[in-house]
């Protein structure tokens, strides 16, 4: 079965989906940072993917769908589970145990670079264009302006933690490209999320039992429990429903733009929930990120070129 044709230019509904996904995953840095402040990393990730797997499985059954049983489908679930859950979630959990959430978000913003390069050589309908390169570069510059002035003093202090976050970006980039396999196999978005989370839950539960001895951990404070629930329900279960639908409709390179928008919402959440001050550099960064997204989309520049050609005529 061949993969369905994707739309290289997103429509307004798909842009809204991307922004909502950015909001959900942007909150994951806050939730994860709070969770690992008191709970071991493997336990947090096991709870995250385990609870989310239950939610998506129930949603799938309510929709009248079942998980496929073929070897190809479960191979895809397992590979995707490692690339999009086990490896990056664990690396981010370790990273955020040592560095600020903002720095983790900044480093993870490298994801589109990996995804775009990989998709260019993997899928014929996702070429690396000048618009995409320009958009990615501008997006990274905007994110850098938002975070680097306040975090520069911390960069290089916890090198392993920073490398872990970069490793998570690589895994996320590869997973976005590989995730299109589900559409090729005829597996729906909710099925894709449920199968991926179920396969990764088995791995994370084994790791948590082996290394964290969770039965010895004291009952966490209410705000820790709330952060874990938010991480599982909002930043994983709900986010996965949107993520796999976007992958199916607009491909990896468009969907992975979410990681450039995530730091924007990390800043906004810091201002709203942690009383952090929004400074001029934040607004400058927001603007540059917006210009980068417009460049990636291509329609804005096409409109400008059309207006210029009309005037020239």
Foldseek 3Di string as FASTA:
>chain_A
DAADDADQFDDPVLVVLLLLLLLLQLCLLVLLLLQLVAAPQLVLLLLQLVLLLVVLCVVQVVVVHDADDDPVRLVLLQLLLVLQRVQLSSLLSVLSVPDHSLLLLLLLLCLLVLQLVVLCVVPVNRHDDPLLVQLSVLLSVLSCLQPCVVCVVVPPVCPSSSVSSNRSSNSNSVSQQSLSVCSRVVHDQSSSLSSNSVSNSVVSVVVCVVPVVVVPRPDDDPVSVVSSCSSRVRNRNVSSSSLSVSCSHNNRSLSSLSSSSSSLSNVVCCCVPVVDDDDPSSVVSVVSSVVSNVSSSPPVVVVVVVVVVVVVD
